[in-house]
Protein backbone atom coordinates (compact mmCIF):
# COMPACT_ATOMS: atom_id res chain seq x y z
CA UNK A 1 12.49 11.76 -7.48
CA UNK A 2 15.07 12.04 -4.40
CA UNK A 3 17.74 14.61 -4.92
CA UNK A 4 21.36 13.04 -6.04
CA UNK A 5 22.94 14.46 -2.83
CA UNK A 6 20.76 11.75 -0.40
CA UNK A 7 22.08 9.40 -2.68
CA UNK A 8 25.55 10.08 -2.51
CA UNK A 9 25.60 11.04 1.06
CA UNK A 10 24.54 6.83 1.44
CA UNK A 11 27.89 5.61 -0.27
CA UNK A 12 30.05 7.60 1.47
CA UNK A 13 29.10 7.23 4.73
CA UNK A 14 27.50 10.38 6.11
CA UNK A 15 23.81 10.03 5.57
CA UNK A 16 21.82 11.08 8.19
CA UNK A 17 19.47 7.98 9.33
CA UNK A 18 16.55 8.05 10.85
CA UNK A 19 14.17 4.77 11.90
CA UNK A 20 10.16 4.93 12.87
CA UNK A 21 8.92 1.93 14.47
CA UNK A 22 5.03 0.94 14.99
CA UNK A 23 5.40 -1.76 17.86
CA UNK A 24 1.94 -2.98 17.49
CA UNK A 25 2.17 -3.91 13.91
CA UNK A 26 1.57 -8.06 13.69
CA UNK A 27 5.19 -8.96 12.88
CA UNK A 28 7.05 -6.14 14.61
CA UNK A 29 4.80 -6.96 18.41
CA UNK A 30 5.76 -10.93 17.56
CA UNK A 31 9.42 -9.76 17.55
CA UNK A 32 9.27 -6.57 20.05
CA UNK A 33 12.23 -7.72 22.04
CA UNK A 34 14.08 -8.82 19.54
CA UNK A 35 14.36 -5.78 17.32
CA UNK A 36 14.54 -3.63 20.51
CA UNK A 37 17.81 -5.55 21.06
CA UNK A 38 19.02 -5.33 17.44
CA UNK A 39 18.29 -1.58 17.14
CA UNK A 40 19.71 -0.95 20.63
CA UNK A 41 23.09 -2.39 18.44
CA UNK A 42 23.21 0.35 15.44
CA UNK A 43 24.12 3.62 16.82
CA UNK A 44 24.02 6.59 15.00
CA UNK A 45 20.52 6.85 13.83
CA UNK A 46 17.97 8.93 15.04
CA UNK A 47 14.70 6.42 16.38
CA UNK A 48 10.96 7.08 17.27
CA UNK A 49 8.08 5.29 18.41
CA UNK A 50 4.68 5.78 16.90
CA UNK A 51 1.49 4.15 18.37
CA UNK A 52 -0.92 7.15 18.38
CA UNK A 53 -1.07 9.73 15.42
CA UNK A 54 0.59 12.48 17.69
CA UNK A 55 3.09 10.26 17.58
CA UNK A 56 3.17 10.45 14.09
CA UNK A 57 2.90 13.87 13.82
CA UNK A 58 5.80 14.29 16.24
CA UNK A 59 7.82 11.46 14.53
CA UNK A 60 7.51 12.81 10.81
CA UNK A 61 8.25 16.71 11.86
CA UNK A 62 11.28 15.69 14.00
CA UNK A 63 12.32 13.83 10.79
CA UNK A 64 11.84 17.01 8.50
CA UNK A 65 13.91 18.91 11.55
CA UNK A 66 16.45 16.78 11.55
CA UNK A 67 16.89 17.00 7.63
CA UNK A 68 17.11 12.90 7.32
CA UNK A 69 18.26 11.59 4.44
CA UNK A 70 17.11 7.94 4.86
CA UNK A 71 14.24 7.38 6.85
CA UNK A 72 13.32 3.42 7.72
CA UNK A 73 9.88 2.34 8.29
CA UNK A 74 9.32 -0.29 10.53
CA UNK A 75 5.64 -0.94 9.94
CA UNK A 76 3.03 -2.72 7.97
CA UNK A 77 1.03 -0.89 5.07
CA UNK A 78 -1.24 1.31 7.35
CA UNK A 79 1.46 2.72 9.09
CA UNK A 80 3.65 3.60 5.64
CA UNK A 81 0.09 5.22 4.47
CA UNK A 82 0.40 7.23 7.70
CA UNK A 83 3.78 9.00 7.48
CA UNK A 84 3.37 9.31 3.64
CA UNK A 85 0.40 11.16 4.14
CA UNK A 86 2.57 13.84 6.58
CA UNK A 87 5.33 13.84 4.21
CA UNK A 88 2.85 14.92 1.29
CA UNK A 89 1.05 17.23 3.71
CA UNK A 90 4.79 18.81 4.92
CA UNK A 91 7.59 18.36 2.80
CA UNK A 92 7.95 19.41 -1.16
CA UNK A 93 8.93 16.26 -2.82
CA UNK A 94 12.42 17.24 -3.94
CA UNK A 95 13.39 17.42 -0.21
CA UNK A 96 12.23 13.72 0.85
CA UNK A 97 14.11 11.08 2.15
CA UNK A 98 15.45 7.77 0.45
CA UNK A 99 12.65 5.60 2.32
CA UNK A 100 12.99 1.74 2.61
CA UNK A 101 10.24 -0.20 4.73
CA UNK A 102 11.00 -3.39 6.55
CA UNK A 103 7.68 -5.33 6.68
CA UNK A 104 6.29 -4.94 10.31
CA UNK A 105 2.85 -5.01 9.84
CA UNK A 106 -0.09 -7.25 9.90
CA UNK A 107 -0.27 -6.85 6.31
CA UNK A 108 3.17 -5.24 4.42
CA UNK A 109 1.76 -5.26 0.90
CA UNK A 110 4.02 -2.30 0.03
CA UNK A 111 7.25 -3.85 1.24
CA UNK A 112 6.91 -6.99 -0.46
CA UNK A 113 6.26 -5.15 -3.48
CA UNK A 114 9.54 -3.61 -3.69
CA UNK A 115 11.38 -6.70 -3.01
CA UNK A 116 12.09 -6.46 0.95
CA UNK A 117 12.31 -10.19 2.38
CA UNK A 118 12.66 -11.95 5.41
CA UNK A 119 11.53 -11.46 9.15
CA UNK A 120 11.98 -7.44 10.73
CA UNK A 121 15.30 -8.94 13.08
CA UNK A 122 16.48 -10.38 9.60
CA UNK A 123 16.35 -6.85 7.78
CA UNK A 124 17.70 -5.15 10.62
CA UNK A 125 20.83 -7.24 10.57
CA UNK A 126 21.10 -6.46 7.24
CA UNK A 127 21.12 -3.30 8.11
CA UNK A 128 23.42 -3.08 10.73
CA UNK A 129 25.90 -4.85 8.08
CA UNK A 130 25.32 -2.19 5.80
CA UNK A 131 25.59 1.08 8.02
CA UNK A 132 28.83 -0.18 9.24
CA UNK A 133 30.60 -0.96 6.17
CA UNK A 134 33.53 1.69 5.47
CA UNK A 135 32.79 4.30 2.74
CA UNK A 136 32.55 4.01 -0.27
CA UNK A 137 30.06 1.97 0.07
CA UNK A 138 28.47 -0.03 -3.00
CA UNK A 139 25.54 1.74 -4.35
CA UNK A 140 22.56 1.20 -3.26
CA UNK A 141 19.52 -0.94 -4.60
CA UNK A 142 16.78 1.66 -5.44
CA UNK A 143 12.78 1.06 -6.76
CA UNK A 144 10.76 3.92 -7.73
CA UNK A 145 7.16 3.18 -7.64
CA UNK A 146 4.19 6.00 -8.30
CA UNK A 147 1.82 6.74 -5.55
CA UNK A 148 -2.19 7.01 -5.56
CA UNK A 149 -3.62 10.43 -5.21
CA UNK A 150 -6.71 10.30 -3.94
CA UNK A 151 -9.28 13.51 -4.01
CA UNK A 152 -12.87 14.46 -3.28
CA UNK A 153 -14.45 17.74 -2.97
CA UNK A 154 -14.28 19.15 0.62
CA UNK A 155 -12.13 16.79 1.52
CA UNK A 156 -8.30 16.38 2.31
CA UNK A 157 -5.70 14.28 -0.31
CA UNK A 158 -5.26 10.88 0.91
CA UNK A 159 -1.77 9.06 -0.63
CA UNK A 160 -1.25 5.60 -1.13
CA UNK A 161 -0.74 2.72 -2.97
CA UNK A 162 -3.56 0.11 -3.44
CA UNK A 163 -7.15 1.20 -3.14
CA UNK A 164 -9.93 -1.64 -3.18
CA UNK A 165 -13.29 -1.64 -3.40
CA UNK A 166 -16.32 -3.69 -3.25
CA UNK A 167 -15.45 -7.50 -1.71
CA UNK A 168 -12.16 -5.92 -0.98
CA UNK A 169 -13.26 -3.14 1.14
CA UNK A 170 -15.89 -5.70 2.53
CA UNK A 171 -12.89 -8.24 3.38
CA UNK A 172 -10.91 -5.53 5.17
CA UNK A 173 -13.94 -4.80 7.82
CA UNK A 174 -13.92 -8.73 8.49
CA UNK A 175 -10.25 -8.13 9.15
CA UNK A 176 -11.09 -6.44 11.96
CA UNK A 177 -12.73 -9.01 14.04
CA UNK A 178 -11.85 -12.13 15.85
CA UNK A 179 -9.40 -13.45 13.48
CA UNK A 180 -7.02 -10.48 14.00
CA UNK A 181 -7.49 -10.69 17.25
CA UNK A 182 -5.94 -13.70 17.87
CA UNK A 183 -2.49 -12.91 16.26
CA UNK A 184 -2.38 -14.49 12.50
CA UNK A 185 -0.56 -12.58 10.12
CA UNK A 186 1.40 -12.48 6.83
CA UNK A 187 -0.01 -14.20 4.23
CA UNK A 188 -2.04 -16.61 6.31
CA UNK A 189 -4.12 -14.00 7.38
CA UNK A 190 -4.23 -12.35 3.61
CA UNK A 191 -5.65 -15.75 3.18
CA UNK A 192 -8.85 -16.11 5.54
CA UNK A 193 -9.46 -12.88 4.17
CA UNK A 194 -9.48 -14.02 0.59
CA UNK A 195 -11.60 -17.03 1.51
CA UNK A 196 -14.67 -15.04 3.71
CA UNK A 197 -14.40 -12.75 0.43
CA UNK A 198 -14.96 -15.51 -1.87
CA UNK A 199 -17.48 -17.76 0.11
CA UNK A 200 -19.71 -14.59 0.74
CA UNK A 201 -19.92 -14.44 -2.81
CA UNK A 202 -20.45 -18.41 -3.49
CA UNK A 203 -23.02 -18.40 -0.88
CA UNK A 204 -25.06 -15.47 -2.46
CA UNK A 205 -25.02 -14.11 0.65
CA UNK A 206 -28.01 -10.72 0.56
CA UNK A 207 -26.23 -9.07 3.76
CA UNK A 208 -25.14 -5.68 3.11
CA UNK A 209 -21.52 -6.02 4.32
CA UNK A 210 -20.71 -8.15 1.28
CA UNK A 211 -22.66 -6.65 -1.17
CA UNK A 212 -21.13 -5.74 -4.00
CA UNK A 213 -20.23 -1.71 -5.15
CA UNK A 214 -22.51 0.51 -7.22
CA UNK A 215 -20.22 2.82 -9.13
CA UNK A 216 -20.64 5.52 -11.85
CA UNK A 217 -17.65 5.87 -13.74
CA UNK A 218 -17.32 8.44 -16.48
CA UNK A 219 -15.42 7.64 -19.94
CA UNK A 220 -13.14 9.97 -21.86
CA UNK A 221 -16.18 10.93 -24.15
CA UNK A 222 -17.95 12.17 -21.30
CA UNK A 223 -20.46 9.61 -21.31
CA UNK A 224 -21.37 7.57 -18.13
CA UNK A 225 -22.51 4.46 -16.91
CA UNK A 226 -24.03 3.06 -13.88
CA UNK A 227 -22.74 -1.03 -12.99
CA UNK A 228 -22.46 -3.01 -9.67
CA UNK A 229 -19.31 -4.58 -9.10
CA UNK A 230 -18.01 -7.07 -7.49
CA UNK A 231 -14.66 -5.60 -7.15
CA UNK A 232 -12.72 -3.03 -8.07
CA UNK A 233 -8.95 -2.40 -7.33
CA UNK A 234 -6.74 0.71 -8.45
CA UNK A 235 -2.84 -0.15 -7.71
CA UNK A 236 0.32 1.64 -8.11
CA UNK A 237 2.03 -1.80 -6.79
CA UNK A 238 3.29 -4.72 -9.38
CA UNK A 239 2.53 -7.42 -6.93
CA UNK A 240 -0.32 -7.49 -4.42
CA UNK A 241 -0.08 -9.98 -1.01
CA UNK A 242 0.94 -13.51 -1.89
CA UNK A 243 2.59 -12.08 -5.34
CA UNK A 244 -0.74 -12.05 -7.22
CA UNK A 245 -1.25 -9.70 -10.38
CA UNK A 246 -4.72 -9.43 -10.62
CA UNK A 247 -4.19 -6.85 -13.63
CA UNK A 248 -3.06 -7.20 -17.05
CA UNK A 249 -3.51 -4.00 -19.24
CA UNK A 250 -1.18 -3.13 -21.75
CA UNK A 251 -1.37 0.80 -21.77
CA UNK A 252 2.00 2.68 -21.09
CA UNK A 253 0.94 4.48 -17.76
CA UNK A 254 1.48 4.37 -13.82
CA UNK A 255 -1.91 2.94 -12.01
CA UNK A 256 -3.18 -0.36 -12.96
CA UNK A 257 -7.07 -0.67 -12.45
CA UNK A 258 -9.15 -3.68 -12.70
CA UNK A 259 -13.42 -3.95 -12.66
CA UNK A 260 -15.04 -7.02 -12.00
CA UNK A 261 -18.56 -7.01 -12.58
CA UNK A 262 -21.56 -8.50 -10.31
CA UNK A 263 -23.33 -10.66 -13.09
CA UNK A 264 -19.89 -11.80 -14.69
CA UNK A 265 -19.69 -15.14 -16.27
CA UNK A 266 -17.59 -18.34 -14.78
CA UNK A 267 -16.43 -16.37 -12.50
CA UNK A 268 -15.13 -18.83 -10.28
CA UNK A 269 -13.01 -20.39 -13.23
CA UNK A 270 -11.89 -16.92 -14.03
CA UNK A 271 -10.33 -17.13 -9.75
CA UNK A 272 -6.82 -18.33 -11.15
CA UNK A 273 -6.66 -16.35 -14.26
CA UNK A 274 -6.98 -13.34 -12.24
CA UNK A 275 -4.35 -13.82 -9.18
CA UNK A 276 -1.65 -15.05 -11.79
CA UNK A 277 -2.03 -12.25 -14.06
CA UNK A 278 -3.32 -14.16 -16.87
CA UNK A 279 -6.79 -12.05 -17.37
CA UNK A 280 -5.41 -11.21 -20.24
CA UNK A 281 -7.97 -14.02 -21.78
CA UNK A 282 -11.26 -13.00 -19.71
CA UNK A 283 -13.32 -10.59 -21.78
CA UNK A 284 -14.63 -7.58 -20.79
CA UNK A 285 -18.31 -8.71 -22.51
CA UNK A 286 -17.90 -11.53 -19.83
CA UNK A 287 -17.27 -8.69 -17.01
CA UNK A 288 -13.74 -8.42 -16.38
CA UNK A 289 -11.79 -5.03 -17.58
CA UNK A 290 -8.36 -3.87 -16.94
CA UNK A 291 -6.31 -1.03 -18.02
CA UNK A 292 -3.53 1.19 -17.10
CA UNK A 293 -3.77 5.07 -16.84
CA UNK A 294 -3.08 8.50 -15.35
CA UNK A 295 -5.97 9.15 -13.93
CA UNK A 296 -9.59 7.64 -12.86
CA UNK A 297 -12.82 9.29 -11.55
CA UNK A 298 -15.76 7.25 -10.14
CA UNK A 299 -18.68 8.55 -8.46
CA UNK A 300 -20.55 6.48 -5.36
CA UNK A 301 -21.66 5.84 -1.93
CA UNK A 302 -19.61 3.86 0.10
CA UNK A 303 -16.59 2.27 1.79
CA UNK A 304 -13.27 1.95 0.00
CA UNK A 305 -9.94 1.07 1.22
CA UNK A 306 -6.46 2.52 0.74
CA UNK A 307 -3.68 0.40 2.48
CA UNK A 308 -6.12 -1.24 4.46
CA UNK A 309 -7.50 1.54 5.86
CA UNK A 310 -11.18 2.18 5.63
CA UNK A 311 -12.83 5.41 4.22
CA UNK A 312 -16.20 6.81 3.01
CA UNK A 313 -16.89 8.05 -0.41
CA UNK A 314 -20.40 10.25 -1.15
CA UNK A 315 -21.94 11.35 -4.11
CA UNK A 316 -22.72 14.39 -2.64
CA UNK A 317 -18.77 15.67 -2.88
CA UNK A 318 -18.31 14.76 -6.64
CA UNK A 319 -16.36 12.06 -7.94
CA UNK A 320 -13.62 10.21 -6.48
CA UNK A 321 -10.66 11.54 -8.48
CA UNK A 322 -7.66 9.08 -8.62
CA UNK A 323 -4.52 9.74 -10.46
CA UNK A 324 -0.76 8.94 -9.97
CA UNK A 325 1.70 11.34 -7.96
CA UNK A 326 5.37 10.62 -7.55
CA UNK A 327 7.43 8.44 -8.26
CA UNK A 328 9.16 7.95 -4.93
CA UNK A 329 12.41 6.08 -4.53
CA UNK A 330 13.01 3.51 -1.94
CA UNK A 331 16.35 1.49 -0.81
CA UNK A 332 15.88 -2.16 -0.96
CA UNK A 333 18.34 -3.86 2.17
């Protein structure tokens, strides 16, 4: 929760504003010259460019030193995750700035879920207009979201908005291939990833790169069961890329969880309900489970993705524990 003084500073025009730009993001790279020109027209804000881990470290330390009230991040999901983890590591949550994400990456799931619409240059023009308004300014549009906190013994905590296993993680590995190199971004890029994943499933590919994920789950009673899943997702977002909402739990809890077993019934018939938020018609006995929770523990030896970044879980370090942190506050332009 952001301190009320941060919000007040935005309305009175006294906020210290900072902007972090990743010029290598898919959308930002395509509009680099225009973005550079627009940023030059917005005086009075701290600006940092990040392309390496050292840049991320330096920029977050600098914004903390500058006591930034409003931090704007122009980049994709991976850029936001990098900044998010450093904020959690170095700054108490009650001292955080208000955050805005301008979708400048290849995938921009968090920004789109928050309601950030338009190209980076269009949003920068809205930012310029907002900052030029005389005080008192209209109350900003604020949105809150929980955050995933992912822990495993002996590993650093990972924070993010979306975790995926199985076909989702395999699809991200595929995305590092030639498709990304030819400059496809946004929904077209995501559609190709999804189609490639589903095609691998349909063809029954035996290759390990498209294999299901084997997971042991412990329920509230302490009993354990092991299953093979085509995909597993845990999300703090209300919708994913292309506006899909593949979860349908009714519990009053912050994290959305969905499991699709390997040997499920009518998989192809289930795709439309899965992506349109009508999964409540899918049955647990057929291999489809979705619910909301505060915490989840999974034991596995496999890769998983958090906001598009690949990580590896090992059973020798104990279960992967995913819990809700936050919420954190975003300003929507």
